[in-house]
Protein backbone atom coordinates (compact mmCIF):
# COMPACT_ATOMS: atom_id res chain seq x y z
CA MET A 1 -0.03 0.03 0.02
CA ALA A 2 1.38 3.40 -0.96
CA LYS A 3 -0.04 6.87 -0.28
CA VAL A 4 -0.74 9.37 -3.04
CA LEU A 5 -0.63 13.05 -2.26
CA GLU A 6 -3.75 15.19 -2.46
CA GLY A 7 -3.08 16.75 -5.89
CA PRO A 8 -2.74 13.52 -7.92
CA GLY A 9 -5.43 11.91 -5.70
CA MET A 10 -7.83 14.64 -6.80
CA SER A 11 -6.79 14.07 -10.45
CA LEU A 12 -7.87 10.47 -10.14
CA LEU A 13 -11.27 11.57 -8.96
CA ILE A 14 -11.63 13.89 -11.92
CA LYS A 15 -10.62 11.02 -14.25
CA TRP A 16 -13.54 8.95 -12.97
CA GLY A 17 -16.09 11.78 -13.26
CA MET A 18 -16.12 13.18 -9.73
CA LYS A 19 -16.09 16.94 -8.99
CA VAL A 20 -13.21 18.45 -6.95
CA PRO A 21 -12.12 22.04 -6.35
CA ASN A 22 -9.81 23.71 -8.86
CA HIS A 23 -6.29 23.17 -7.68
CA VAL A 24 -2.62 23.49 -8.55
CA VAL A 25 0.60 22.25 -6.94
CA VAL A 26 3.52 24.69 -6.84
CA THR A 27 7.13 24.61 -5.70
CA SER A 28 7.80 28.31 -5.94
CA VAL A 29 6.12 31.73 -5.94
CA GLU A 30 7.24 32.14 -9.56
CA GLN A 31 5.37 28.97 -10.56
CA LEU A 32 2.24 30.22 -8.72
CA TYR A 33 2.16 33.42 -10.80
CA HIS A 34 2.94 31.57 -13.99
CA LEU A 35 -0.06 29.32 -13.34
CA ALA A 36 -2.17 32.30 -12.36
CA SER A 37 -1.65 33.75 -15.81
CA ALA A 38 -3.39 30.65 -17.29
CA ASN A 39 -6.00 29.96 -14.56
CA ALA A 40 -8.54 32.76 -13.98
CA TRP A 41 -9.81 31.12 -10.78
CA LEU A 42 -6.53 31.84 -9.05
CA ASN A 43 -7.18 35.53 -9.55
CA ASP A 44 -10.91 35.56 -9.12
CA LYS A 45 -11.66 33.09 -6.23
CA ARG A 46 -10.83 32.84 -2.58
CA LEU A 47 -8.11 30.29 -1.98
CA VAL A 48 -6.78 27.68 0.36
CA ALA A 49 -3.02 26.94 0.62
CA LYS A 50 -1.78 23.68 2.18
CA ALA A 51 1.56 21.90 2.52
CA HIS A 52 1.50 19.17 -0.07
CA GLU A 53 3.24 16.45 1.90
CA ALA A 54 2.21 13.23 3.65
CA ILE A 55 1.98 14.67 7.21
CA GLY A 56 -0.92 14.81 9.61
CA GLY A 57 -2.15 17.79 11.60
CA ARG A 58 -1.21 20.36 8.97
CA PHE A 59 -3.73 22.88 10.28
CA LYS A 60 -2.36 22.70 13.82
CA LEU A 61 1.18 23.00 12.49
CA GLY A 62 0.26 26.23 10.67
CA LEU A 63 0.59 24.58 7.29
CA VAL A 64 -2.94 25.35 6.13
CA LYS A 65 -3.95 28.92 5.23
CA VAL A 66 -7.54 29.75 4.29
CA ASP A 67 -9.67 32.49 2.68
CA LEU A 68 -6.82 34.04 0.66
CA ASP A 69 -6.56 36.13 -2.45
CA LEU A 70 -3.66 35.62 -4.82
CA LYS A 71 -1.38 37.94 -2.85
CA GLY A 72 -2.29 36.07 0.31
CA ALA A 73 -1.52 32.73 -1.45
CA GLU A 74 1.91 34.14 -2.40
CA LYS A 75 2.62 34.95 1.21
CA ALA A 76 1.43 31.49 2.25
CA VAL A 77 3.66 29.78 -0.25
CA LYS A 78 6.64 31.72 1.13
CA GLU A 79 5.85 30.73 4.67
CA ILE A 80 5.15 27.08 3.95
CA LEU A 81 7.92 26.23 1.54
CA GLY A 82 11.08 25.27 3.44
CA HIS A 83 9.22 24.72 6.70
CA LYS A 84 10.64 21.73 8.56
CA VAL A 85 8.51 19.11 10.30
CA GLY A 86 10.77 16.59 11.94
CA THR A 87 13.22 15.42 9.26
CA MET A 88 10.94 16.58 6.41
CA THR A 89 11.32 19.92 4.62
CA ILE A 90 8.17 21.11 2.91
CA SER A 91 8.87 21.35 -0.88
CA GLN A 92 5.34 21.62 -2.35
CA VAL A 93 2.17 23.62 -1.71
CA ILE A 94 -1.25 22.82 -3.05
CA ILE A 95 -3.41 25.89 -3.85
CA SER A 96 -7.07 25.15 -4.24
CA GLU A 97 -10.30 27.03 -4.69
CA MET A 98 -12.04 27.70 -1.39
CA ILE A 99 -15.51 26.15 -1.56
CA HIS A 100 -18.02 27.65 0.82
CA HIS A 101 -20.11 24.84 2.18
CA GLU A 102 -22.70 24.24 4.92
CA VAL A 103 -22.78 20.43 5.09
CA GLU A 104 -20.07 17.79 5.35
CA TYR A 105 -20.45 14.09 4.60
CA TYR A 106 -18.13 11.01 4.61
CA LEU A 107 -17.52 8.45 1.88
CA ALA A 108 -14.81 5.79 1.55
CA VAL A 109 -13.88 2.49 -0.04
CA LYS A 110 -11.53 0.20 1.94
CA SER A 111 -9.97 -3.04 0.83
CA THR A 112 -10.51 -6.11 3.07
CA ARG A 113 -9.24 -9.65 2.89
CA GLU A 114 -12.41 -10.90 1.17
CA GLY A 115 -13.26 -7.84 -0.93
CA ALA A 116 -14.01 -4.23 -0.01
CA ASP A 117 -16.15 -2.13 2.31
CA VAL A 118 -18.05 0.89 1.14
CA LEU A 119 -18.36 3.35 4.13
CA MET A 120 -20.87 6.23 4.20
CA ALA A 121 -22.14 8.80 6.68
CA ASN A 122 -24.35 11.93 6.53
CA PHE A 123 -21.73 13.71 8.72
CA GLY A 124 -18.08 14.30 8.06
CA GLY A 125 -15.04 16.44 8.94
CA ILE A 126 -13.70 16.20 12.48
CA GLU A 127 -16.91 14.53 13.65
CA VAL A 128 -15.93 11.22 11.94
CA GLU A 129 -13.41 10.12 14.51
CA SER A 130 -15.75 10.54 17.46
CA ARG A 131 -18.69 8.92 15.67
CA TRP A 132 -16.93 6.06 13.85
CA ASN A 133 -19.40 3.46 15.06
CA ASP A 134 -22.24 5.45 13.41
CA ILE A 135 -20.74 5.12 9.92
CA LYS A 136 -22.75 2.72 7.73
CA ARG A 137 -20.98 0.22 5.53
CA MET A 138 -21.64 -2.35 2.87
CA PHE A 139 -19.41 -5.33 1.96
CA VAL A 140 -18.62 -6.01 -1.73
CA GLU A 141 -17.19 -9.44 -2.63
CA ILE A 142 -14.01 -9.74 -4.71
CA GLY A 143 -14.86 -9.63 -8.39
CA LYS A 144 -18.20 -7.90 -7.87
CA SER A 145 -19.30 -4.26 -8.03
CA PRO A 146 -22.08 -2.55 -6.06
CA SER A 147 -25.15 -1.48 -8.00
CA VAL A 148 -26.50 2.02 -7.75
CA GLU A 149 -29.62 0.58 -6.19
CA GLU A 150 -27.58 -1.05 -3.45
CA LEU A 151 -25.65 2.09 -2.83
CA GLU A 152 -28.82 4.19 -2.71
CA GLU A 153 -30.18 1.82 -0.05
CA LEU A 154 -26.92 2.28 1.96
CA ALA A 155 -27.27 6.06 1.54
CA ARG A 156 -30.80 6.00 2.96
CA THR A 157 -29.60 3.84 5.88
CA ALA A 158 -26.87 6.33 6.41
CA GLY A 159 -29.49 9.13 6.78
CA PHE A 160 -29.55 10.77 3.35
CA LYS A 161 -32.98 11.87 2.25
CA ALA A 162 -34.84 11.91 -1.04
CA ASP A 163 -32.84 12.97 -4.13
CA LEU A 164 -29.67 13.40 -2.13
CA ALA A 165 -29.53 9.65 -1.45
CA GLY A 166 -29.55 9.02 -5.21
CA GLN A 167 -26.84 11.66 -5.75
CA VAL A 168 -24.63 10.12 -3.07
CA ALA A 169 -25.18 6.66 -4.54
CA GLN A 170 -24.04 7.82 -7.98
CA PHE A 171 -20.98 9.56 -6.50
CA ALA A 172 -20.19 6.35 -4.43
CA ARG A 173 -20.49 4.24 -7.55
CA LYS A 174 -17.88 6.43 -9.31
CA LEU A 175 -15.59 6.20 -6.25
CA TYR A 176 -15.81 2.43 -6.22
CA GLU A 177 -15.03 2.31 -9.93
CA CYS A 178 -12.00 4.49 -9.30
CA TYR A 179 -10.98 2.16 -6.42
CA ASP A 180 -11.42 -0.95 -8.55
CA ARG A 181 -9.85 0.27 -11.80
CA GLU A 182 -6.94 2.12 -10.22
CA ASP A 183 -5.84 -0.72 -7.98
CA GLY A 184 -6.98 1.12 -4.92
CA GLN A 185 -6.40 -0.05 -1.31
CA TYR A 186 -8.16 2.84 0.47
CA LEU A 187 -9.97 5.92 -0.91
CA GLU A 188 -11.54 8.31 1.55
CA ILE A 189 -13.39 11.53 0.91
CA ASN A 190 -13.78 13.69 4.00
CA PRO A 191 -15.54 15.96 3.69
CA LEU A 192 -17.88 15.31 0.76
CA SER A 193 -20.04 18.40 0.43
CA VAL A 194 -22.51 20.17 -1.83
CA THR A 195 -21.83 23.25 -4.01
CA GLU A 196 -24.12 26.19 -4.35
CA ASP A 197 -25.34 24.60 -7.60
CA GLY A 198 -26.31 21.47 -5.74
CA GLU A 199 -23.50 19.24 -7.03
CA LEU A 200 -21.55 16.90 -4.73
CA ILE A 201 -17.91 17.79 -4.44
CA ALA A 202 -14.92 16.10 -2.76
CA LEU A 203 -13.17 18.74 -0.69
CA ASP A 204 -10.38 16.58 0.73
CA MET A 205 -9.26 12.95 0.31
CA VAL A 206 -6.93 10.22 1.28
CA THR A 207 -5.69 7.98 -1.56
CA MET A 208 -3.75 4.76 -1.06
CA LEU A 209 -2.99 2.50 -4.06
CA ASP A 210 -1.14 -0.70 -4.72
CA ALA A 211 2.27 0.70 -5.77
CA ASP A 212 3.26 -2.64 -7.36
CA ALA A 213 0.42 -2.15 -9.92
CA ARG A 214 2.12 0.89 -11.51
CA PHE A 215 3.06 -1.18 -14.57
CA ARG A 216 -0.68 -1.48 -15.36
CA HIS A 217 -1.14 2.37 -15.27
CA PRO A 218 0.98 4.27 -17.80
CA ASP A 219 -0.79 7.49 -16.82
CA TRP A 220 0.36 7.31 -13.21
CA ASN A 221 2.84 10.17 -13.63
CA PHE A 222 2.95 10.96 -9.92
CA THR A 223 5.45 9.92 -7.20
CA PHE A 224 4.09 8.05 -4.22
CA ALA A 225 4.42 9.77 -0.86
CA SER A 226 7.33 8.69 1.24
CA GLU A 227 6.52 6.60 4.35
CA PHE A 228 9.70 7.75 6.15
CA GLY A 229 8.89 11.30 7.17
CA ARG A 230 10.76 12.80 4.21
CA PRO A 231 10.39 12.98 0.46
CA TYR A 232 11.94 10.17 -1.60
CA THR A 233 15.40 10.98 -2.80
CA GLU A 234 16.11 11.15 -6.58
CA ASP A 235 17.88 7.78 -6.48
CA GLU A 236 14.99 6.15 -4.61
CA GLN A 237 12.53 7.55 -7.15
CA GLU A 238 14.62 6.25 -10.07
CA ILE A 239 14.66 2.71 -8.64
CA MET A 240 10.97 2.89 -7.99
CA GLU A 241 10.44 3.93 -11.62
CA ILE A 242 12.54 0.92 -12.83
CA ASP A 243 10.68 -1.39 -10.47
CA SER A 244 7.36 -0.28 -11.94
CA ARG A 245 8.25 -1.53 -15.49
CA ILE A 246 10.19 -4.75 -15.06
CA LYS A 247 9.55 -8.41 -14.45
CA GLY A 248 10.70 -9.17 -10.95
CA SER A 249 11.50 -6.39 -8.47
CA VAL A 250 14.18 -4.00 -7.28
CA LYS A 251 13.81 -1.88 -4.10
CA PHE A 252 15.97 0.80 -2.50
CA ILE A 253 15.63 3.05 0.53
CA GLU A 254 18.50 5.17 1.98
CA ILE A 255 19.24 5.15 5.68
CA PRO A 256 21.74 8.01 6.43
CA GLY A 257 24.63 7.39 8.77
CA GLY A 258 25.22 3.71 8.12
CA SER A 259 28.52 2.13 7.08
CA ILE A 260 27.25 -1.22 5.79
CA ALA A 261 25.40 -1.23 2.46
CA LEU A 262 23.00 -4.02 1.63
CA LEU A 263 22.30 -5.64 -1.75
CA PRO A 264 20.40 -8.78 -0.78
CA ALA A 265 18.34 -11.16 -2.94
CA GLY A 266 14.77 -10.99 -1.68
CA GLY A 267 12.94 -9.25 1.13
CA GLY A 268 13.52 -12.08 3.59
CA ALA A 269 17.24 -11.91 3.19
CA SER A 270 17.11 -8.11 3.41
CA VAL A 271 15.45 -8.26 6.88
CA TYR A 272 17.68 -11.18 7.95
CA TYR A 273 20.86 -9.34 7.16
CA ALA A 274 19.64 -6.04 8.62
CA ASP A 275 18.70 -7.72 11.89
CA ALA A 276 22.04 -9.54 12.10
CA ILE A 277 24.03 -6.33 11.47
CA VAL A 278 22.08 -4.24 14.06
CA ALA A 279 22.25 -7.13 16.63
CA GLN A 280 26.03 -6.94 16.41
CA GLY A 281 26.28 -3.22 16.76
CA GLY A 282 26.60 -2.33 13.09
CA LYS A 283 24.74 0.35 11.17
CA ILE A 284 23.03 -0.26 7.87
CA ALA A 285 23.14 2.40 5.17
CA ASN A 286 20.12 1.34 3.19
CA TYR A 287 17.30 -1.16 2.58
CA ALA A 288 17.49 -2.90 -0.81
CA GLU A 289 16.44 -6.07 -2.51
CA TYR A 290 16.27 -7.66 -5.90
CA SER A 291 13.92 -10.57 -6.44
CA GLY A 292 11.81 -12.49 -8.95
CA ASP A 293 14.63 -12.83 -11.55
CA PRO A 294 14.80 -9.12 -12.63
CA PRO A 295 16.75 -8.16 -15.76
CA ASP A 296 20.48 -7.63 -15.29
CA TRP A 297 20.26 -3.93 -16.26
CA ALA A 298 17.82 -3.25 -13.45
CA VAL A 299 20.12 -4.97 -10.96
CA GLU A 300 23.00 -2.94 -12.37
CA ALA A 301 21.08 0.27 -11.73
CA LEU A 302 20.23 -0.80 -8.18
CA THR A 303 23.91 -1.72 -7.55
CA GLU A 304 25.11 1.67 -8.66
CA ARG A 305 22.80 3.42 -6.15
CA VAL A 306 23.74 1.07 -3.31
CA CYS A 307 27.50 1.32 -3.92
CA SER A 308 27.34 5.14 -4.28
CA LEU A 309 26.07 5.62 -0.72
CA PRO A 310 28.34 7.95 1.30
CA ASP A 311 30.83 6.68 3.88
CA ILE A 312 30.27 3.00 3.42
CA LYS A 313 32.91 0.49 4.50
CA HIS A 314 31.25 -2.75 3.46
CA VAL A 315 28.79 -3.98 0.86
CA ILE A 316 26.91 -7.26 1.52
CA VAL A 317 25.58 -9.10 -1.51
CA GLY A 318 23.68 -11.99 -0.04
CA GLY A 319 20.77 -14.31 -0.33
CA ALA A 320 19.49 -17.80 0.30
CA ILE A 321 19.49 -20.53 -2.36
CA ALA A 322 17.40 -19.24 -5.21
CA ASN A 323 14.67 -21.36 -6.80
CA PHE A 324 14.55 -19.75 -10.26
CA THR A 325 16.58 -16.47 -10.15
CA ASN A 326 19.54 -16.92 -12.51
CA VAL A 327 22.55 -16.17 -10.20
CA LYS A 328 24.94 -15.72 -13.15
CA LYS A 329 22.67 -13.26 -14.92
CA THR A 330 21.84 -11.12 -11.81
CA PHE A 331 25.51 -11.21 -10.80
CA ALA A 332 26.41 -9.90 -14.29
CA GLY A 333 24.27 -6.83 -13.49
CA ILE A 334 25.88 -6.44 -10.04
CA ILE A 335 29.38 -6.77 -11.49
CA ALA A 336 28.65 -4.15 -14.14
CA GLY A 337 27.38 -1.83 -11.39
CA PHE A 338 30.54 -2.41 -9.32
CA ARG A 339 32.65 -1.44 -12.34
CA ASN A 340 30.59 1.66 -13.14
CA VAL A 341 30.87 2.92 -9.65
CA ARG A 342 34.61 2.12 -9.47
CA LEU A 343 35.15 4.25 -12.60
CA LYS A 344 33.65 7.17 -10.62
CA GLY A 345 36.30 6.79 -7.90
CA LYS A 346 34.13 4.87 -5.35
CA LEU A 347 34.46 1.44 -3.76
CA LYS A 348 38.26 1.85 -3.50
CA ASP A 349 38.50 1.00 0.19
CA VAL A 350 35.16 -0.89 0.50
CA HIS A 351 35.01 -4.59 1.26
CA ILE A 352 32.44 -6.55 -0.68
CA TRP A 353 31.00 -9.73 0.87
CA VAL A 354 29.11 -12.21 -1.34
CA ARG A 355 27.05 -15.29 -0.28
CA ARG A 356 24.66 -16.91 -2.73
CA GLY A 357 23.31 -20.15 -4.07
CA GLY A 358 20.91 -21.15 -6.90
CA PRO A 359 20.75 -21.74 -10.65
CA TYR A 360 24.14 -21.06 -12.33
CA GLU A 361 25.70 -20.20 -8.92
CA LYS A 362 29.04 -21.79 -9.85
CA GLU A 363 29.44 -19.51 -12.86
CA GLY A 364 28.14 -16.43 -11.01
CA LEU A 365 30.40 -16.90 -8.03
CA ALA A 366 33.40 -17.48 -10.28
CA ALA A 367 32.70 -14.20 -12.04
CA MET A 368 32.50 -12.45 -8.63
CA ARG A 369 35.86 -13.94 -7.48
CA ALA A 370 37.50 -12.76 -10.69
CA LEU A 371 36.89 -9.17 -9.58
CA GLU A 372 39.81 -9.60 -7.15
CA GLN A 373 42.08 -9.49 -10.12
CA GLU A 374 40.68 -6.02 -10.95
CA GLY A 375 41.53 -4.68 -7.48
CA PHE A 376 38.23 -5.14 -5.80
CA LYS A 377 38.37 -6.13 -2.15
CA ILE A 378 35.89 -8.96 -2.59
CA HIS A 379 35.14 -12.04 -0.46
CA VAL A 380 32.96 -14.75 -2.06
CA TYR A 381 31.15 -17.70 -0.40
CA ASP A 382 28.74 -20.33 -1.70
CA ARG A 383 25.65 -22.08 -0.35
CA HIS A 384 27.68 -24.00 2.22
CA THR A 385 28.43 -20.89 4.24
CA PRO A 386 25.62 -19.96 6.68
CA LEU A 387 23.70 -17.00 5.48
CA THR A 388 24.81 -14.41 7.99
CA ASP A 389 28.34 -15.57 8.58
CA VAL A 390 29.39 -12.80 6.09
CA VAL A 391 28.02 -10.30 8.64
CA ASP A 392 30.47 -11.70 11.24
CA TYR A 393 33.30 -11.54 8.79
CA ALA A 394 32.49 -7.94 7.77
CA LEU A 395 32.17 -6.63 11.31
CA LYS A 396 35.46 -8.25 12.33
CA GLU A 397 37.15 -6.35 9.44
CA LYS A 398 35.93 -2.90 10.71
């Protein structure tokens, strides 16, 4: 599950026929005025400015400014950009049209083990948390979709009257279609409200999608929100982009301050090595994994990012005994990455520790050992060496 920021989340609602406020996302005052020259509503309407990051309690933190004109929005952008919240520095602001409204409702679709729940209430906003047990819900089995008639019945049960129940049902049907077709995990609109013209409009939302489904959605041109209290780095984003379009998988997250870089085969090995290093007093510099027999060029790209981390003393290339991943092929990508990074003046004093088994392991391990002739400080072990022994060897070398 991965969170999508408010701007692209609203764009998904528009794609599936739902109304949202006019909005733009800016990274500078200059960009705001450039957009204002092409969007009359920025000049004519009252505005709301919010930090466009995955952080809670933005209003309490002073990162939401309301009832602004364009000049006020400029001031808000200057105040919000660069503001630090923990380890995060705010780098984007979303400016949206301020919609005056008198009612607030709640609508959501949530993935469950057996299917999905549609949640609905004729109240919303801050009331939701204190009245969670009053929210009405309907279960939808995997592979099925709720009918408008079923959703209208849910709306009436939730307290919506007359024509409004029908409107809410139609809106909920579109939200469910968005959830289903966009590989959603959780879509929440809070508040859902009504415009002066009587149309339903989503004023704020939470969007969580299946990040591993990106390859099915060529129009997903947005970056998922980081789960680590900071924006993703450029290298992290590049590996995520590669991961979205390959068979198999490559993952990479930086952990500043560590001296041991990890390049394990599979998520299990990644956690296993990380735990072993920390248990012995070491500090990891990253999380990474390659799995599912990814192409060698993708593993090469991952290797370059891992081996370019600052101040590392060791790189551990490890994994269990593969079932179908071609060790020779993936090691070819890793070796190419080693050489590319070495040409940039890195890895000179870094020890590389390799432990792997699986199809074509003999050829792959032999190619790794041959790197010693090129000046690499490399130590290579086969399937007969316990998985985390290389951690012991590396920490004894420090």
